[in-house]
Amino acid sequence: MANTQGPQGTNDPAGSTQMFRAFVDEAAPRGRQQQTASSGGPRLGLIIGVIAAVAIVAAVAWLAMK
């Protein structure tokens, strides 16, 4: 990584720009996985709510038919 060129064409002897980009590129997919995992919570609540609503409507309909 020695003597790599930086974004403005300046000399970057440590290669820190490339190391930073590799770190950012590696960390990005983890962030997306956490977002999709956390979005499962509201979706699960919505599914449970719909099931509860259907059960309540079915119970009311069953009581009305008696």
PDB file of N, CA and C in Angstrom:
ATOM      1  N   MET A   1       0.803  -1.193   0.000  1.00  0.00           N
ATOM      2  CA  MET A   1       0.000   0.000   0.000  1.00  0.00           C
ATOM      3  C   MET A   1       0.849   1.261   0.000  1.00  0.00           C
ATOM      4  N   ALA A   2       2.108   1.139  -0.025  1.00  0.00           N
ATOM      5  CA  ALA A   2       2.980   2.303   0.047  1.00  0.00           C
ATOM      6  C   ALA A   2       2.887   3.109  -1.234  1.00  0.00           C
ATOM      7  N   ASN A   3       3.004   4.430  -1.098  1.00  0.00           N
ATOM      8  CA  ASN A   3       3.023   5.372  -2.207  1.00  0.00           C
ATOM      9  C   ASN A   3       1.776   5.298  -3.078  1.00  0.00           C
ATOM     10  N   THR A   4       0.617   5.205  -2.476  1.00  0.00           N
ATOM     11  CA  THR A   4      -0.630   5.224  -3.236  1.00  0.00           C
ATOM     12  C   THR A   4      -1.083   6.657  -3.428  1.00  0.00           C
ATOM     13  N   GLN A   5      -1.882   6.882  -4.428  1.00  0.00           N
ATOM     14  CA  GLN A   5      -2.366   8.224  -4.719  1.00  0.00           C
ATOM     15  C   GLN A   5      -3.674   8.475  -3.977  1.00  0.00           C
ATOM     16  N   GLY A   6      -3.797   9.642  -3.368  1.00  0.00           N
ATOM     17  CA  GLY A   6      -5.014  10.030  -2.682  1.00  0.00           C
ATOM     18  C   GLY A   6      -6.037  10.533  -3.675  1.00  0.00           C
ATOM     19  N   PRO A   7      -7.202  10.991  -3.201  1.00  0.00           N
ATOM     20  CA  PRO A   7      -8.267  11.432  -4.106  1.00  0.00           C
ATOM     21  C   PRO A   7      -7.897  12.663  -4.923  1.00  0.00           C
ATOM     22  N   GLN A   8      -7.045  13.573  -4.405  1.00  0.00           N
ATOM     23  CA  GLN A   8      -6.645  14.757  -5.145  1.00  0.00           C
ATOM     24  C   GLN A   8      -5.306  14.568  -5.837  1.00  0.00           C
ATOM     25  N   GLY A   9      -4.807  13.359  -5.901  1.00  0.00           N
ATOM     26  CA  GLY A   9      -3.546  13.094  -6.537  1.00  0.00           C
ATOM     27  C   GLY A   9      -2.358  13.325  -5.621  1.00  0.00           C
ATOM     28  N   THR A  10      -2.599  13.585  -4.348  1.00  0.00           N
ATOM     29  CA  THR A  10      -1.505  13.769  -3.406  1.00  0.00           C
ATOM     30  C   THR A  10      -0.961  12.419  -2.976  1.00  0.00           C
ATOM     31  N   ASN A  11       0.271  12.419  -2.536  1.00  0.00           N
ATOM     32  CA  ASN A  11       0.912  11.177  -2.122  1.00  0.00           C
ATOM     33  C   ASN A  11       0.375  10.746  -0.761  1.00  0.00           C
ATOM     34  N   ASP A  12      -0.078   9.525  -0.636  1.00  0.00           N
ATOM     35  CA  ASP A  12      -0.603   8.974   0.605  1.00  0.00           C
ATOM     36  C   ASP A  12       0.254   7.766   0.978  1.00  0.00           C
ATOM     37  N   PRO A  13       1.429   7.995   1.602  1.00  0.00           N
ATOM     38  CA  PRO A  13       2.354   6.889   1.828  1.00  0.00           C
ATOM     39  C   PRO A  13       1.813   5.801   2.739  1.00  0.00           C
ATOM     40  N   ALA A  14       0.920   6.123   3.658  1.00  0.00           N
ATOM     41  CA  ALA A  14       0.400   5.106   4.568  1.00  0.00           C
ATOM     42  C   ALA A  14      -0.761   4.336   3.964  1.00  0.00           C
ATOM     43  N   GLY A  15      -1.311   4.826   2.885  1.00  0.00           N
ATOM     44  CA  GLY A  15      -2.469   4.162   2.295  1.00  0.00           C
ATOM     45  C   GLY A  15      -3.704   4.284   3.157  1.00  0.00           C
ATOM     46  N   SER A  16      -3.772   5.328   3.986  1.00  0.00           N
ATOM     47  CA  SER A  16      -4.886   5.453   4.926  1.00  0.00           C
ATOM     48  C   SER A  16      -6.217   5.661   4.214  1.00  0.00           C
ATOM     49  N   THR A  17      -6.196   6.287   3.052  1.00  0.00           N
ATOM     50  CA  THR A  17      -7.441   6.490   2.316  1.00  0.00           C
ATOM     51  C   THR A  17      -8.025   5.153   1.892  1.00  0.00           C
ATOM     52  N   GLN A  18      -7.186   4.273   1.381  1.00  0.00           N
ATOM     53  CA  GLN A  18      -7.673   2.959   0.970  1.00  0.00           C
ATOM     54  C   GLN A  18      -8.146   2.145   2.163  1.00  0.00           C
ATOM     55  N   MET A  19      -7.447   2.265   3.273  1.00  0.00           N
ATOM     56  CA  MET A  19      -7.857   1.535   4.479  1.00  0.00           C
ATOM     57  C   MET A  19      -9.197   2.051   4.979  1.00  0.00           C
ATOM     58  N   PHE A  20      -9.395   3.375   4.934  1.00  0.00           N
ATOM     59  CA  PHE A  20     -10.664   3.943   5.375  1.00  0.00           C
ATOM     60  C   PHE A  20     -11.798   3.492   4.459  1.00  0.00           C
ATOM     61  N   ARG A  21     -11.562   3.527   3.168  1.00  0.00           N
ATOM     62  CA  ARG A  21     -12.607   3.097   2.226  1.00  0.00           C
ATOM     63  C   ARG A  21     -12.960   1.631   2.434  1.00  0.00           C
ATOM     64  N   ALA A  22     -11.961   0.798   2.690  1.00  0.00           N
ATOM     65  CA  ALA A  22     -12.231  -0.622   2.946  1.00  0.00           C
ATOM     66  C   ALA A  22     -13.052  -0.783   4.217  1.00  0.00           C
ATOM     67  N   PHE A  23     -12.746   0.024   5.236  1.00  0.00           N
ATOM     68  CA  PHE A  23     -13.503  -0.039   6.483  1.00  0.00           C
ATOM     69  C   PHE A  23     -14.955   0.378   6.263  1.00  0.00           C
ATOM     70  N   VAL A  24     -15.165   1.457   5.518  1.00  0.00           N
ATOM     71  CA  VAL A  24     -16.527   1.944   5.267  1.00  0.00           C
ATOM     72  C   VAL A  24     -17.306   0.941   4.423  1.00  0.00           C
ATOM     73  N   ASP A  25     -16.658   0.396   3.390  1.00  0.00           N
ATOM     74  CA  ASP A  25     -17.340  -0.571   2.532  1.00  0.00           C
ATOM     75  C   ASP A  25     -17.677  -1.847   3.289  1.00  0.00           C
ATOM     76  N   GLU A  26     -16.824  -2.235   4.232  1.00  0.00           N
ATOM     77  CA  GLU A  26     -17.077  -3.444   5.014  1.00  0.00           C
ATOM     78  C   GLU A  26     -18.182  -3.205   6.041  1.00  0.00           C
ATOM     79  N   ALA A  27     -18.266  -2.011   6.611  1.00  0.00           N
ATOM     80  CA  ALA A  27     -19.247  -1.717   7.644  1.00  0.00           C
ATOM     81  C   ALA A  27     -20.636  -1.474   7.059  1.00  0.00           C
ATOM     82  N   ALA A  28     -20.743  -1.077   5.814  1.00  0.00           N
ATOM     83  CA  ALA A  28     -22.038  -0.742   5.214  1.00  0.00           C
ATOM     84  C   ALA A  28     -23.006  -1.923   5.180  1.00  0.00           C
ATOM     85  N   PRO A  29     -22.616  -3.122   4.748  1.00  0.00           N
ATOM     86  CA  PRO A  29     -23.585  -4.225   4.731  1.00  0.00           C
ATOM     87  C   PRO A  29     -24.109  -4.594   6.111  1.00  0.00           C
ATOM     88  N   ARG A  30     -23.282  -4.463   7.155  1.00  0.00           N
ATOM     89  CA  ARG A  30     -23.758  -4.763   8.504  1.00  0.00           C
ATOM     90  C   ARG A  30     -24.868  -3.811   8.908  1.00  0.00           C
ATOM     91  N   GLY A  31     -24.726  -2.555   8.550  1.00  0.00           N
ATOM     92  CA  GLY A  31     -25.762  -1.575   8.876  1.00  0.00           C
ATOM     93  C   GLY A  31     -27.074  -1.906   8.199  1.00  0.00           C
ATOM     94  N   ARG A  32     -26.989  -2.360   6.969  1.00  0.00           N
ATOM     95  CA  ARG A  32     -28.218  -2.721   6.252  1.00  0.00           C
ATOM     96  C   ARG A  32     -28.870  -3.944   6.875  1.00  0.00           C
ATOM     97  N   GLN A  33     -28.070  -4.900   7.328  1.00  0.00           N
ATOM     98  CA  GLN A  33     -28.638  -6.085   7.951  1.00  0.00           C
ATOM     99  C   GLN A  33     -29.327  -5.738   9.256  1.00  0.00           C
ATOM    100  N   GLN A  34     -28.770  -4.804  10.008  1.00  0.00           N
ATOM    101  CA  GLN A  34     -29.402  -4.401  11.256  1.00  0.00           C
ATOM    102  C   GLN A  34     -30.716  -3.685  10.982  1.00  0.00           C
ATOM    103  N   GLN A  35     -30.784  -2.899   9.929  1.00  0.00           N
ATOM    104  CA  GLN A  35     -32.023  -2.203   9.607  1.00  0.00           C
ATOM    105  C   GLN A  35     -33.104  -3.196   9.208  1.00  0.00           C
ATOM    106  N   THR A  36     -32.756  -4.181   8.405  1.00  0.00           N
ATOM    107  CA  THR A  36     -33.775  -5.149   8.008  1.00  0.00           C
ATOM    108  C   THR A  36     -34.194  -6.007   9.180  1.00  0.00           C
ATOM    109  N   ALA A  37     -33.280  -6.317  10.073  1.00  0.00           N
ATOM    110  CA  ALA A  37     -33.639  -7.110  11.244  1.00  0.00           C
ATOM    111  C   ALA A  37     -34.555  -6.316  12.171  1.00  0.00           C
ATOM    112  N   SER A  38     -34.290  -5.031  12.327  1.00  0.00           N
ATOM    113  CA  SER A  38     -35.118  -4.227  13.214  1.00  0.00           C
ATOM    114  C   SER A  38     -36.477  -3.916  12.589  1.00  0.00           C
ATOM    115  N   SER A  39     -36.576  -3.938  11.253  1.00  0.00           N
ATOM    116  CA  SER A  39     -37.861  -3.664  10.627  1.00  0.00           C
ATOM    117  C   SER A  39     -38.805  -4.856  10.758  1.00  0.00           C
ATOM    118  N   GLY A  40     -38.315  -6.018  11.181  1.00  0.00           N
ATOM    119  CA  GLY A  40     -39.171  -7.176  11.386  1.00  0.00           C
ATOM    120  C   GLY A  40     -40.087  -6.998  12.583  1.00  0.00           C
ATOM    121  N   GLY A  41     -39.702  -6.167  13.557  1.00  0.00           N
ATOM    122  CA  GLY A  41     -40.507  -5.938  14.741  1.00  0.00           C
ATOM    123  C   GLY A  41     -41.852  -5.315  14.427  1.00  0.00           C
ATOM    124  N   PRO A  42     -41.898  -4.176  13.746  1.00  0.00           N
ATOM    125  CA  PRO A  42     -43.194  -3.585  13.404  1.00  0.00           C
ATOM    126  C   PRO A  42     -44.024  -4.477  12.485  1.00  0.00           C
ATOM    127  N   ARG A  43     -43.378  -5.192  11.602  1.00  0.00           N
ATOM    128  CA  ARG A  43     -44.109  -6.087  10.701  1.00  0.00           C
ATOM    129  C   ARG A  43     -44.760  -7.203  11.505  1.00  0.00           C
ATOM    130  N   LEU A  44     -44.052  -7.740  12.489  1.00  0.00           N
ATOM    131  CA  LEU A  44     -44.612  -8.797  13.332  1.00  0.00           C
ATOM    132  C   LEU A  44     -45.809  -8.258  14.114  1.00  0.00           C
ATOM    133  N   GLY A  45     -45.692  -7.041  14.627  1.00  0.00           N
ATOM    134  CA  GLY A  45     -46.806  -6.429  15.347  1.00  0.00           C
ATOM    135  C   GLY A  45     -48.020  -6.238  14.453  1.00  0.00           C
ATOM    136  N   LEU A  46     -47.781  -5.855  13.207  1.00  0.00           N
ATOM    137  CA  LEU A  46     -48.887  -5.672  12.257  1.00  0.00           C
ATOM    138  C   LEU A  46     -49.580  -6.996  11.977  1.00  0.00           C
ATOM    139  N   ILE A  47     -48.819  -8.051  11.798  1.00  0.00           N
ATOM    140  CA  ILE A  47     -49.405  -9.371  11.533  1.00  0.00           C
ATOM    141  C   ILE A  47     -50.234  -9.835  12.726  1.00  0.00           C
ATOM    142  N   ILE A  48     -49.701  -9.660  13.928  1.00  0.00           N
ATOM    143  CA  ILE A  48     -50.444 -10.054  15.128  1.00  0.00           C
ATOM    144  C   ILE A  48     -51.719  -9.225  15.260  1.00  0.00           C
ATOM    145  N   GLY A  49     -51.636  -7.931  14.950  1.00  0.00           N
ATOM    146  CA  GLY A  49     -52.821  -7.069  15.012  1.00  0.00           C
ATOM    147  C   GLY A  49     -53.895  -7.489  14.030  1.00  0.00           C
ATOM    148  N   VAL A  50     -53.500  -7.853  12.824  1.00  0.00           N
ATOM    149  CA  VAL A  50     -54.469  -8.297  11.814  1.00  0.00           C
ATOM    150  C   VAL A  50     -55.118  -9.604  12.243  1.00  0.00           C
ATOM    151  N   ILE A  51     -54.332 -10.522  12.775  1.00  0.00           N
ATOM    152  CA  ILE A  51     -54.890 -11.795  13.242  1.00  0.00           C
ATOM    153  C   ILE A  51     -55.871 -11.554  14.390  1.00  0.00           C
ATOM    154  N   ALA A  52     -55.518 -10.652  15.309  1.00  0.00           N
ATOM    155  CA  ALA A  52     -56.412 -10.334  16.422  1.00  0.00           C
ATOM    156  C   ALA A  52     -57.701  -9.697  15.915  1.00  0.00           C
ATOM    157  N   ALA A  53     -57.594  -8.805  14.936  1.00  0.00           N
ATOM    158  CA  ALA A  53     -58.789  -8.155  14.385  1.00  0.00           C
ATOM    159  C   ALA A  53     -59.700  -9.175  13.709  1.00  0.00           C
ATOM    160  N   VAL A  54     -59.126 -10.097  12.960  1.00  0.00           N
ATOM    161  CA  VAL A  54     -59.931 -11.133  12.305  1.00  0.00           C
ATOM    162  C   VAL A  54     -60.601 -12.015  13.349  1.00  0.00           C
ATOM    163  N   ALA A  55     -59.904 -12.349  14.424  1.00  0.00           N
ATOM    164  CA  ALA A  55     -60.490 -13.174  15.482  1.00  0.00           C
ATOM    165  C   ALA A  55     -61.639 -12.439  16.166  1.00  0.00           C
ATOM    166  N   ILE A  56     -61.492 -11.138  16.398  1.00  0.00           N
ATOM    167  CA  ILE A  56     -62.567 -10.359  17.034  1.00  0.00           C
ATOM    168  C   ILE A  56     -63.783 -10.281  16.125  1.00  0.00           C
ATOM    169  N   VAL A  57     -63.556 -10.029  14.840  1.00  0.00           N
ATOM    170  CA  VAL A  57     -64.683  -9.957  13.894  1.00  0.00           C
ATOM    171  C   VAL A  57     -65.371 -11.315  13.803  1.00  0.00           C
ATOM    172  N   ALA A  58     -64.603 -12.399  13.799  1.00  0.00           N
ATOM    173  CA  ALA A  58     -65.204 -13.734  13.746  1.00  0.00           C
ATOM    174  C   ALA A  58     -66.015 -14.014  15.008  1.00  0.00           C
ATOM    175  N   ALA A  59     -65.508 -13.594  16.170  1.00  0.00           N
ATOM    176  CA  ALA A  59     -66.237 -13.814  17.421  1.00  0.00           C
ATOM    177  C   ALA A  59     -67.530 -13.006  17.443  1.00  0.00           C
ATOM    178  N   VAL A  60     -67.494 -11.762  16.985  1.00  0.00           N
ATOM    179  CA  VAL A  60     -68.706 -10.930  16.942  1.00  0.00           C
ATOM    180  C   VAL A  60     -69.710 -11.523  15.978  1.00  0.00           C
ATOM    181  N   ALA A  61     -69.264 -11.997  14.822  1.00  0.00           N
ATOM    182  CA  ALA A  61     -70.173 -12.611  13.848  1.00  0.00           C
ATOM    183  C   ALA A  61     -70.785 -13.887  14.408  1.00  0.00           C
ATOM    184  N   TRP A  62     -69.976 -14.677  15.117  1.00  0.00           N
ATOM    185  CA  TRP A  62     -70.482 -15.918  15.709  1.00  0.00           C
ATOM    186  C   TRP A  62     -71.531 -15.609  16.773  1.00  0.00           C
ATOM    187  N   LEU A  63     -71.279 -14.582  17.625  1.00  0.00           N
ATOM    188  CA  LEU A  63     -72.263 -14.194  18.640  1.00  0.00           C
ATOM    189  C   LEU A  63     -73.528 -13.629  18.024  1.00  0.00           C
ATOM    190  N   ALA A  64     -73.410 -12.936  16.897  1.00  0.00           N
ATOM    191  CA  ALA A  64     -74.592 -12.362  16.232  1.00  0.00           C
ATOM    192  C   ALA A  64     -75.465 -13.435  15.616  1.00  0.00           C
ATOM    193  N   MET A  65     -74.898 -14.572  15.253  1.00  0.00           N
ATOM    194  CA  MET A  65     -75.667 -15.628  14.611  1.00  0.00           C
ATOM    195  C   MET A  65     -76.386 -16.509  15.620  1.00  0.00           C
ATOM    196  N   LYS A  66     -76.080 -16.405  16.887  1.00  0.00           N
ATOM    197  CA  LYS A  66     -76.704 -17.248  17.908  1.00  0.00           C
ATOM    198  C   LYS A  66     -78.126 -16.917  18.104  1.00  0.00           C
TER     199      LYS A  66
END
